[in-house]
């Protein structure tokens, strides 16, 4: 698979940031047993990874805009294009020594995500997609799962923590979906949840209150792998509102009906 120049820039940047994070992750595993804990160290790792990504992405495309978890929003000279970046999606996993986290990079053009990269450095899995060119995992073309029955399907979501206000909604979601499916997973990194739907590892995903950098890259991967993607509440904007539902085509309507009530 030979991608566009932009996609190659994105993958190269993701690998470079990933290498730095893997080094930091090894230290976090040691810090876990210390009295002070690893929190401050992980914040530095996150900021350091974002600097690498910004240097590489803005160095290659200095006129593009920028939206990232740590670095905020910057308008570019080219108002039609911007990078949307999460240097470390799954920070809590990283902090606890759990090897499930990713670097997420998306390119937006005129309000549409046209390319996305989700890189899992721990497993050296590079999920990527470009509008009209399909979705890929390393050298393998991706396709969403072929399951047709909800009761045989597993889904991913996020669960509210630390007193977030969406707990009642999420408990209602789980009460609706758990009785009709084969299971729900909560792995703690939305970008990888979406990439796994694209890879057919999960049959679908839903979540509320996500940020654009959690979602952007994964959305184009799911779509290019043949999945259906909608806002959880019809008529809303996925990136602006941070809520999404996606699945393969055969089970999408049943999945959406179960969640929407």
C-alpha atoms as a PDB file:
ATOM      1  CA  UNK A   1       0.000   0.000   0.000  1.00  0.00           C
ATOM      2  CA  UNK A   2       1.496   3.314  -1.120  1.00  0.00           C
ATOM      3  CA  UNK A   3      -0.281   6.259   0.438  1.00  0.00           C
ATOM      4  CA  UNK A   4      -0.315   9.924  -0.483  1.00  0.00           C
ATOM      5  CA  UNK A   5       2.469  12.269   0.556  1.00  0.00           C
ATOM      6  CA  UNK A   6       0.315  13.494   3.455  1.00  0.00           C
ATOM      7  CA  UNK A   7      -0.360   9.959   4.684  1.00  0.00           C
ATOM      8  CA  UNK A   8       3.354   9.134   4.561  1.00  0.00           C
ATOM      9  CA  UNK A   9       4.116  12.258   6.630  1.00  0.00           C
ATOM     10  CA  UNK A  10       1.474  11.162   9.174  1.00  0.00           C
ATOM     11  CA  UNK A  11       2.774   7.601   9.492  1.00  0.00           C
ATOM     12  CA  UNK A  12       6.378   8.718   9.827  1.00  0.00           C
ATOM     13  CA  UNK A  13       5.442  11.215  12.570  1.00  0.00           C
ATOM     14  CA  UNK A  14       3.364   8.576  14.398  1.00  0.00           C
ATOM     15  CA  UNK A  15       6.270   6.114  14.376  1.00  0.00           C
ATOM     16  CA  UNK A  16       8.716   8.718  15.696  1.00  0.00           C
ATOM     17  CA  UNK A  17       6.386   9.763  18.529  1.00  0.00           C
ATOM     18  CA  UNK A  18       5.623   6.087  19.202  1.00  0.00           C
ATOM     19  CA  UNK A  19       9.307   5.250  19.659  1.00  0.00           C
ATOM     20  CA  UNK A  20       9.671   8.011  22.254  1.00  0.00           C
ATOM     21  CA  UNK A  21       6.529   6.859  24.078  1.00  0.00           C
ATOM     22  CA  UNK A  22       7.674   3.212  24.187  1.00  0.00           C
ATOM     23  CA  UNK A  23      10.864   4.345  25.971  1.00  0.00           C
ATOM     24  CA  UNK A  24       8.775   6.373  28.422  1.00  0.00           C
ATOM     25  CA  UNK A  25       6.378   3.453  28.907  1.00  0.00           C
ATOM     26  CA  UNK A  26       9.229   1.206  30.072  1.00  0.00           C
ATOM     27  CA  UNK A  27      10.066   3.820  32.712  1.00  0.00           C
ATOM     28  CA  UNK A  28       6.419   4.106  33.761  1.00  0.00           C
ATOM     29  CA  UNK A  29       6.356   0.383  34.508  1.00  0.00           C
ATOM     30  CA  UNK A  30       9.247   1.011  36.948  1.00  0.00           C
ATOM     31  CA  UNK A  31       7.644   4.177  38.359  1.00  0.00           C
ATOM     32  CA  UNK A  32       4.440   2.273  39.114  1.00  0.00           C
ATOM     33  CA  UNK A  33       6.066   0.788  42.214  1.00  0.00           C
ATOM     34  CA  UNK A  34       7.435   4.087  43.502  1.00  0.00           C
ATOM     35  CA  UNK A  35       5.756   6.066  46.272  1.00  0.00           C
ATOM     36  CA  UNK A  36       5.532   9.233  44.174  1.00  0.00           C
ATOM     37  CA  UNK A  37       3.780   7.462  41.298  1.00  0.00           C
ATOM     38  CA  UNK A  38       3.987   8.051  37.571  1.00  0.00           C
ATOM     39  CA  UNK A  39       1.477  10.873  36.993  1.00  0.00           C
ATOM     40  CA  UNK A  40       3.879  13.785  36.437  1.00  0.00           C
ATOM     41  CA  UNK A  41       6.136  11.642  34.298  1.00  0.00           C
ATOM     42  CA  UNK A  42       3.256  10.596  32.002  1.00  0.00           C
ATOM     43  CA  UNK A  43       2.196  14.221  31.536  1.00  0.00           C
ATOM     44  CA  UNK A  44       5.740  14.999  30.365  1.00  0.00           C
ATOM     45  CA  UNK A  45       5.686  11.961  28.040  1.00  0.00           C
ATOM     46  CA  UNK A  46       2.381  13.161  26.537  1.00  0.00           C
ATOM     47  CA  UNK A  47       3.677  16.700  25.985  1.00  0.00           C
ATOM     48  CA  UNK A  48       6.966  15.377  24.582  1.00  0.00           C
ATOM     49  CA  UNK A  49       5.135  13.175  22.066  1.00  0.00           C
ATOM     50  CA  UNK A  50       2.975  16.092  20.974  1.00  0.00           C
ATOM     51  CA  UNK A  51       6.082  18.215  20.369  1.00  0.00           C
ATOM     52  CA  UNK A  52       7.530  15.495  18.103  1.00  0.00           C
ATOM     53  CA  UNK A  53       4.254  15.300  16.174  1.00  0.00           C
ATOM     54  CA  UNK A  54       3.956  19.061  15.826  1.00  0.00           C
ATOM     55  CA  UNK A  55       7.560  19.420  14.665  1.00  0.00           C
ATOM     56  CA  UNK A  56       7.086  16.716  12.027  1.00  0.00           C
ATOM     57  CA  UNK A  57       3.562  17.536  10.835  1.00  0.00           C
ATOM     58  CA  UNK A  58       3.828  21.337  10.873  1.00  0.00           C
ATOM     59  CA  UNK A  59       7.383  21.106   9.548  1.00  0.00           C
ATOM     60  CA  UNK A  60       6.080  19.216   6.519  1.00  0.00           C
ATOM     61  CA  UNK A  61       2.883  21.281   6.109  1.00  0.00           C
ATOM     62  CA  UNK A  62       3.483  24.673   7.768  1.00  0.00           C
ATOM     63  CA  UNK A  63       0.290  26.271   6.391  1.00  0.00           C
ATOM     64  CA  UNK A  64      -2.122  23.742   7.952  1.00  0.00           C
ATOM     65  CA  UNK A  65      -4.088  24.413  11.130  1.00  0.00           C
ATOM     66  CA  UNK A  66      -3.597  22.445  14.358  1.00  0.00           C
ATOM     67  CA  UNK A  67      -5.955  20.943  16.945  1.00  0.00           C
ATOM     68  CA  UNK A  68      -4.481  18.746  19.670  1.00  0.00           C
ATOM     69  CA  UNK A  69      -5.190  17.588  23.206  1.00  0.00           C
ATOM     70  CA  UNK A  70      -2.265  19.359  24.874  1.00  0.00           C
ATOM     71  CA  UNK A  71      -1.484  22.160  22.425  1.00  0.00           C
ATOM     72  CA  UNK A  72      -4.974  23.454  21.756  1.00  0.00           C
ATOM     73  CA  UNK A  73      -6.138  25.106  18.523  1.00  0.00           C
ATOM     74  CA  UNK A  74      -4.161  27.146  15.999  1.00  0.00           C
ATOM     75  CA  UNK A  75      -5.597  28.589  12.804  1.00  0.00           C
ATOM     76  CA  UNK A  76      -3.442  27.851   9.766  1.00  0.00           C
ATOM     77  CA  UNK A  77      -2.658  30.060   6.786  1.00  0.00           C
ATOM     78  CA  UNK A  78      -4.641  27.464   4.841  1.00  0.00           C
ATOM     79  CA  UNK A  79      -8.064  27.643   6.552  1.00  0.00           C
ATOM     80  CA  UNK A  80      -9.337  24.524   4.740  1.00  0.00           C
ATOM     81  CA  UNK A  81      -6.876  22.025   6.237  1.00  0.00           C
ATOM     82  CA  UNK A  82      -5.884  21.103   9.774  1.00  0.00           C
ATOM     83  CA  UNK A  83      -4.199  18.332  11.704  1.00  0.00           C
ATOM     84  CA  UNK A  84      -6.239  16.803  14.557  1.00  0.00           C
ATOM     85  CA  UNK A  85      -3.883  15.020  16.950  1.00  0.00           C
ATOM     86  CA  UNK A  86      -3.934  12.975  20.140  1.00  0.00           C
ATOM     87  CA  UNK A  87      -0.309  12.207  21.040  1.00  0.00           C
ATOM     88  CA  UNK A  88      -1.298   9.629  23.662  1.00  0.00           C
ATOM     89  CA  UNK A  89      -4.803   8.200  23.583  1.00  0.00           C
ATOM     90  CA  UNK A  90      -5.221   5.878  26.549  1.00  0.00           C
ATOM     91  CA  UNK A  91      -3.210   7.932  29.040  1.00  0.00           C
ATOM     92  CA  UNK A  92      -4.734   6.126  32.041  1.00  0.00           C
ATOM     93  CA  UNK A  93      -3.694   2.753  30.585  1.00  0.00           C
ATOM     94  CA  UNK A  94      -0.195   4.133  29.979  1.00  0.00           C
ATOM     95  CA  UNK A  95      -0.039   5.454  33.543  1.00  0.00           C
ATOM     96  CA  UNK A  96      -0.956   2.025  34.945  1.00  0.00           C
ATOM     97  CA  UNK A  97       1.510   0.086  32.817  1.00  0.00           C
ATOM     98  CA  UNK A  98      -1.218  -1.349  30.548  1.00  0.00           C
ATOM     99  CA  UNK A  99       0.079  -1.748  26.980  1.00  0.00           C
ATOM    100  CA  UNK A 100      -3.037  -0.477  25.219  1.00  0.00           C
ATOM    101  CA  UNK A 101      -2.617   3.107  24.019  1.00  0.00           C
ATOM    102  CA  UNK A 102      -2.058   4.852  20.713  1.00  0.00           C
ATOM    103  CA  UNK A 103      -0.901   7.870  18.736  1.00  0.00           C
ATOM    104  CA  UNK A 104      -3.790   9.290  16.694  1.00  0.00           C
ATOM    105  CA  UNK A 105      -3.427  11.709  13.754  1.00  0.00           C
ATOM    106  CA  UNK A 106      -6.153  12.891  11.376  1.00  0.00           C
ATOM    107  CA  UNK A 107      -6.173  15.326   8.476  1.00  0.00           C
ATOM    108  CA  UNK A 108      -9.300  17.412   8.020  1.00  0.00           C
ATOM    109  CA  UNK A 109     -10.065  19.155   4.727  1.00  0.00           C
ATOM    110  CA  UNK A 110     -13.041  21.529   4.437  1.00  0.00           C
ATOM    111  CA  UNK A 111     -14.661  20.020   7.535  1.00  0.00           C
ATOM    112  CA  UNK A 112     -14.241  16.392   6.435  1.00  0.00           C
ATOM    113  CA  UNK A 113     -11.712  13.871   7.736  1.00  0.00           C
ATOM    114  CA  UNK A 114      -9.801  12.718   4.643  1.00  0.00           C
ATOM    115  CA  UNK A 115      -6.979  10.694   6.226  1.00  0.00           C
ATOM    116  CA  UNK A 116      -6.326   9.027   9.564  1.00  0.00           C
ATOM    117  CA  UNK A 117      -3.567   7.124  11.332  1.00  0.00           C
ATOM    118  CA  UNK A 118      -3.918   5.239  14.637  1.00  0.00           C
ATOM    119  CA  UNK A 119      -0.594   3.738  15.709  1.00  0.00           C
ATOM    120  CA  UNK A 120      -0.247   1.250  18.563  1.00  0.00           C
ATOM    121  CA  UNK A 121       3.521   1.222  19.260  1.00  0.00           C
ATOM    122  CA  UNK A 122       3.345  -1.575  21.848  1.00  0.00           C
ATOM    123  CA  UNK A 123       2.156  -4.021  19.169  1.00  0.00           C
ATOM    124  CA  UNK A 124       3.637  -2.162  16.165  1.00  0.00           C
ATOM    125  CA  UNK A 125       0.159  -1.982  14.619  1.00  0.00           C
ATOM    126  CA  UNK A 126      -0.332   0.925  12.210  1.00  0.00           C
ATOM    127  CA  UNK A 127      -3.996   1.385  11.269  1.00  0.00           C
ATOM    128  CA  UNK A 128      -4.483   3.948   8.518  1.00  0.00           C
ATOM    129  CA  UNK A 129      -6.968   5.075   5.897  1.00  0.00           C
ATOM    130  CA  UNK A 130      -7.441   7.699   3.262  1.00  0.00           C
ATOM    131  CA  UNK A 131     -10.765   8.727   1.755  1.00  0.00           C
ATOM    132  CA  UNK A 132     -11.433   6.568  -1.283  1.00  0.00           C
ATOM    133  CA  UNK A 133      -8.326   4.388  -0.812  1.00  0.00           C
ATOM    134  CA  UNK A 134      -9.488   1.849   1.769  1.00  0.00           C
ATOM    135  CA  UNK A 135      -8.310   1.098   5.299  1.00  0.00           C
ATOM    136  CA  UNK A 136      -5.185  -0.846   6.199  1.00  0.00           C
ATOM    137  CA  UNK A 137      -3.346  -2.462   9.109  1.00  0.00           C
ATOM    138  CA  UNK A 138       0.342  -2.458   8.211  1.00  0.00           C
ATOM    139  CA  UNK A 139       0.308  -4.303   4.831  1.00  0.00           C
ATOM    140  CA  UNK A 140      -3.169  -5.857   5.179  1.00  0.00           C
ATOM    141  CA  UNK A 141      -6.395  -4.404   3.790  1.00  0.00           C
ATOM    142  CA  UNK A 142      -9.048  -3.998   6.495  1.00  0.00           C
ATOM    143  CA  UNK A 143     -12.690  -4.960   6.391  1.00  0.00           C
ATOM    144  CA  UNK A 144     -15.315  -4.642   9.116  1.00  0.00           C
ATOM    145  CA  UNK A 145     -16.679  -7.903  10.520  1.00  0.00           C
ATOM    146  CA  UNK A 146     -19.184  -9.967   8.565  1.00  0.00           C
ATOM    147  CA  UNK A 147     -21.435 -10.905  11.478  1.00  0.00           C
ATOM    148  CA  UNK A 148     -25.191 -10.584  10.927  1.00  0.00           C
ATOM    149  CA  UNK A 149     -26.572 -11.250  14.422  1.00  0.00           C
ATOM    150  CA  UNK A 150     -26.396  -8.966  17.455  1.00  0.00           C
ATOM    151  CA  UNK A 151     -26.313 -11.947  19.807  1.00  0.00           C
ATOM    152  CA  UNK A 152     -23.002 -13.095  18.196  1.00  0.00           C
ATOM    153  CA  UNK A 153     -21.440  -9.601  18.225  1.00  0.00           C
ATOM    154  CA  UNK A 154     -19.170  -7.828  20.680  1.00  0.00           C
ATOM    155  CA  UNK A 155     -19.144  -4.068  21.077  1.00  0.00           C
ATOM    156  CA  UNK A 156     -16.807  -1.513  22.593  1.00  0.00           C
ATOM    157  CA  UNK A 157     -17.583   1.648  24.528  1.00  0.00           C
ATOM    158  CA  UNK A 158     -16.181   3.942  27.200  1.00  0.00           C
ATOM    159  CA  UNK A 159     -17.486   4.084  30.747  1.00  0.00           C
ATOM    160  CA  UNK A 160     -17.838   7.362  32.668  1.00  0.00           C
ATOM    161  CA  UNK A 161     -15.453   7.833  35.583  1.00  0.00           C
ATOM    162  CA  UNK A 162     -14.743  10.359  38.332  1.00  0.00           C
ATOM    163  CA  UNK A 163     -18.318  11.575  38.696  1.00  0.00           C
ATOM    164  CA  UNK A 164     -18.996  12.380  35.033  1.00  0.00           C
ATOM    165  CA  UNK A 165     -22.607  13.387  34.404  1.00  0.00           C
ATOM    166  CA  UNK A 166     -23.252  10.841  31.631  1.00  0.00           C
ATOM    167  CA  UNK A 167     -23.224   7.806  33.965  1.00  0.00           C
ATOM    168  CA  UNK A 168     -27.065   7.387  34.008  1.00  0.00           C
ATOM    169  CA  UNK A 169     -27.198   7.468  30.175  1.00  0.00           C
ATOM    170  CA  UNK A 170     -24.404   4.910  29.913  1.00  0.00           C
ATOM    171  CA  UNK A 171     -26.045   2.571  32.404  1.00  0.00           C
ATOM    172  CA  UNK A 172     -29.241   2.756  30.317  1.00  0.00           C
ATOM    173  CA  UNK A 173     -27.201   1.966  27.187  1.00  0.00           C
ATOM    174  CA  UNK A 174     -25.662  -1.084  28.854  1.00  0.00           C
ATOM    175  CA  UNK A 175     -29.049  -2.283  30.139  1.00  0.00           C
ATOM    176  CA  UNK A 176     -30.348  -2.173  26.549  1.00  0.00           C
ATOM    177  CA  UNK A 177     -27.363  -3.713  24.742  1.00  0.00           C
ATOM    178  CA  UNK A 178     -25.947  -6.337  27.142  1.00  0.00           C
ATOM    179  CA  UNK A 179     -28.969  -8.700  26.964  1.00  0.00           C
ATOM    180  CA  UNK A 180     -28.899  -8.821  23.141  1.00  0.00           C
ATOM    181  CA  UNK A 181     -25.163  -9.179  22.356  1.00  0.00           C
ATOM    182  CA  UNK A 182     -22.169 -11.429  23.041  1.00  0.00           C
ATOM    183  CA  UNK A 183     -20.380  -8.865  25.200  1.00  0.00           C
ATOM    184  CA  UNK A 184     -19.194  -5.288  25.707  1.00  0.00           C
ATOM    185  CA  UNK A 185     -15.543  -4.308  26.142  1.00  0.00           C
ATOM    186  CA  UNK A 186     -14.052  -1.197  27.764  1.00  0.00           C
ATOM    187  CA  UNK A 187     -10.373  -1.030  26.795  1.00  0.00           C
ATOM    188  CA  UNK A 188      -9.797   2.668  27.460  1.00  0.00           C
ATOM    189  CA  UNK A 189      -8.618   4.130  24.131  1.00  0.00           C
ATOM    190  CA  UNK A 190     -11.357   5.315  21.748  1.00  0.00           C
ATOM    191  CA  UNK A 191      -9.032   5.633  18.741  1.00  0.00           C
ATOM    192  CA  UNK A 192      -8.128   1.932  19.068  1.00  0.00           C
ATOM    193  CA  UNK A 193     -11.782   0.989  19.643  1.00  0.00           C
ATOM    194  CA  UNK A 194     -12.606   2.551  16.268  1.00  0.00           C
ATOM    195  CA  UNK A 195      -9.573   1.001  14.574  1.00  0.00           C
ATOM    196  CA  UNK A 196     -10.618  -2.414  15.953  1.00  0.00           C
ATOM    197  CA  UNK A 197     -14.097  -1.981  14.447  1.00  0.00           C
ATOM    198  CA  UNK A 198     -12.384  -1.295  11.120  1.00  0.00           C
ATOM    199  CA  UNK A 199     -10.301  -4.455  11.587  1.00  0.00           C
ATOM    200  CA  UNK A 200     -13.354  -6.591  12.434  1.00  0.00           C
ATOM    201  CA  UNK A 201     -12.125  -7.263  15.992  1.00  0.00           C
ATOM    202  CA  UNK A 202     -15.153  -5.495  17.410  1.00  0.00           C
ATOM    203  CA  UNK A 203     -18.485  -5.534  15.596  1.00  0.00           C
ATOM    204  CA  UNK A 204     -19.393  -2.012  16.696  1.00  0.00           C
ATOM    205  CA  UNK A 205     -18.619   0.908  19.022  1.00  0.00           C
ATOM    206  CA  UNK A 206     -20.530   3.712  20.668  1.00  0.00           C
ATOM    207  CA  UNK A 207     -19.609   6.463  23.085  1.00  0.00           C
ATOM    208  CA  UNK A 208     -20.583   9.950  24.241  1.00  0.00           C
ATOM    209  CA  UNK A 209     -18.553  12.977  25.310  1.00  0.00           C
ATOM    210  CA  UNK A 210     -15.455  12.279  23.253  1.00  0.00           C
ATOM    211  CA  UNK A 211     -13.122  14.976  21.943  1.00  0.00           C
ATOM    212  CA  UNK A 212     -12.379  15.507  18.216  1.00  0.00           C
ATOM    213  CA  UNK A 213      -8.850  14.113  18.653  1.00  0.00           C
ATOM    214  CA  UNK A 214     -10.262  10.891  20.183  1.00  0.00           C
ATOM    215  CA  UNK A 215     -12.506  10.315  17.182  1.00  0.00           C
ATOM    216  CA  UNK A 216     -11.168  11.891  14.022  1.00  0.00           C
ATOM    217  CA  UNK A 217      -8.622   9.337  12.763  1.00  0.00           C
ATOM    218  CA  UNK A 218     -10.745   6.329  13.711  1.00  0.00           C
ATOM    219  CA  UNK A 219     -13.819   7.596  11.854  1.00  0.00           C
ATOM    220  CA  UNK A 220     -12.172   7.503   8.433  1.00  0.00           C
ATOM    221  CA  UNK A 221     -10.672   4.064   9.209  1.00  0.00           C
ATOM    222  CA  UNK A 222     -14.121   2.614  10.007  1.00  0.00           C
ATOM    223  CA  UNK A 223     -15.733   4.196   6.948  1.00  0.00           C
ATOM    224  CA  UNK A 224     -12.993   3.062   4.581  1.00  0.00           C
ATOM    225  CA  UNK A 225     -13.207  -0.470   6.029  1.00  0.00           C
ATOM    226  CA  UNK A 226     -16.887  -0.556   5.028  1.00  0.00           C
ATOM    227  CA  UNK A 227     -18.504   0.379   8.343  1.00  0.00           C
ATOM    228  CA  UNK A 228     -21.463   2.685   8.912  1.00  0.00           C
ATOM    229  CA  UNK A 229     -20.894   5.717  11.165  1.00  0.00           C
ATOM    230  CA  UNK A 230     -23.567   8.037  12.577  1.00  0.00           C
ATOM    231  CA  UNK A 231     -24.013  10.422  15.499  1.00  0.00           C
ATOM    232  CA  UNK A 232     -25.683   8.628  18.392  1.00  0.00           C
ATOM    233  CA  UNK A 233     -28.413  11.308  18.359  1.00  0.00           C
ATOM    234  CA  UNK A 234     -29.467  11.701  14.737  1.00  0.00           C
ATOM    235  CA  UNK A 235     -28.838  15.063  13.129  1.00  0.00           C
ATOM    236  CA  UNK A 236     -25.961  16.004  15.428  1.00  0.00           C
ATOM    237  CA  UNK A 237     -22.323  16.619  14.451  1.00  0.00           C
ATOM    238  CA  UNK A 238     -20.039  13.751  15.503  1.00  0.00           C
ATOM    239  CA  UNK A 239     -16.836  15.755  15.977  1.00  0.00           C
ATOM    240  CA  UNK A 240     -18.515  18.808  17.521  1.00  0.00           C
ATOM    241  CA  UNK A 241     -20.707  16.808  19.915  1.00  0.00           C
ATOM    242  CA  UNK A 242     -18.316  13.928  20.602  1.00  0.00           C
ATOM    243  CA  UNK A 243     -20.852  11.132  20.305  1.00  0.00           C
ATOM    244  CA  UNK A 244     -20.805   8.301  17.802  1.00  0.00           C
ATOM    245  CA  UNK A 245     -22.189   4.901  16.899  1.00  0.00           C
ATOM    246  CA  UNK A 246     -20.624   2.644  14.278  1.00  0.00           C
ATOM    247  CA  UNK A 247     -20.869  -0.969  13.156  1.00  0.00           C
ATOM    248  CA  UNK A 248     -20.885  -3.172  10.089  1.00  0.00           C
ATOM    249  CA  UNK A 249     -23.860  -2.730   7.793  1.00  0.00           C
ATOM    250  CA  UNK A 250     -25.814  -5.947   8.608  1.00  0.00           C
ATOM    251  CA  UNK A 251     -26.050  -5.247  12.348  1.00  0.00           C
ATOM    252  CA  UNK A 252     -26.009  -1.437  12.353  1.00  0.00           C
ATOM    253  CA  UNK A 253     -29.773  -0.881  12.403  1.00  0.00           C
ATOM    254  CA  UNK A 254     -30.390  -3.395  15.209  1.00  0.00           C
ATOM    255  CA  UNK A 255     -27.453  -2.032  17.220  1.00  0.00           C
ATOM    256  CA  UNK A 256     -28.600   1.570  16.774  1.00  0.00           C
ATOM    257  CA  UNK A 257     -32.209   0.684  17.605  1.00  0.00           C
ATOM    258  CA  UNK A 258     -31.143  -1.062  20.836  1.00  0.00           C
ATOM    259  CA  UNK A 259     -29.110   1.963  21.961  1.00  0.00           C
ATOM    260  CA  UNK A 260     -31.466   4.697  20.817  1.00  0.00           C
ATOM    261  CA  UNK A 261     -34.390   3.011  22.536  1.00  0.00           C
END
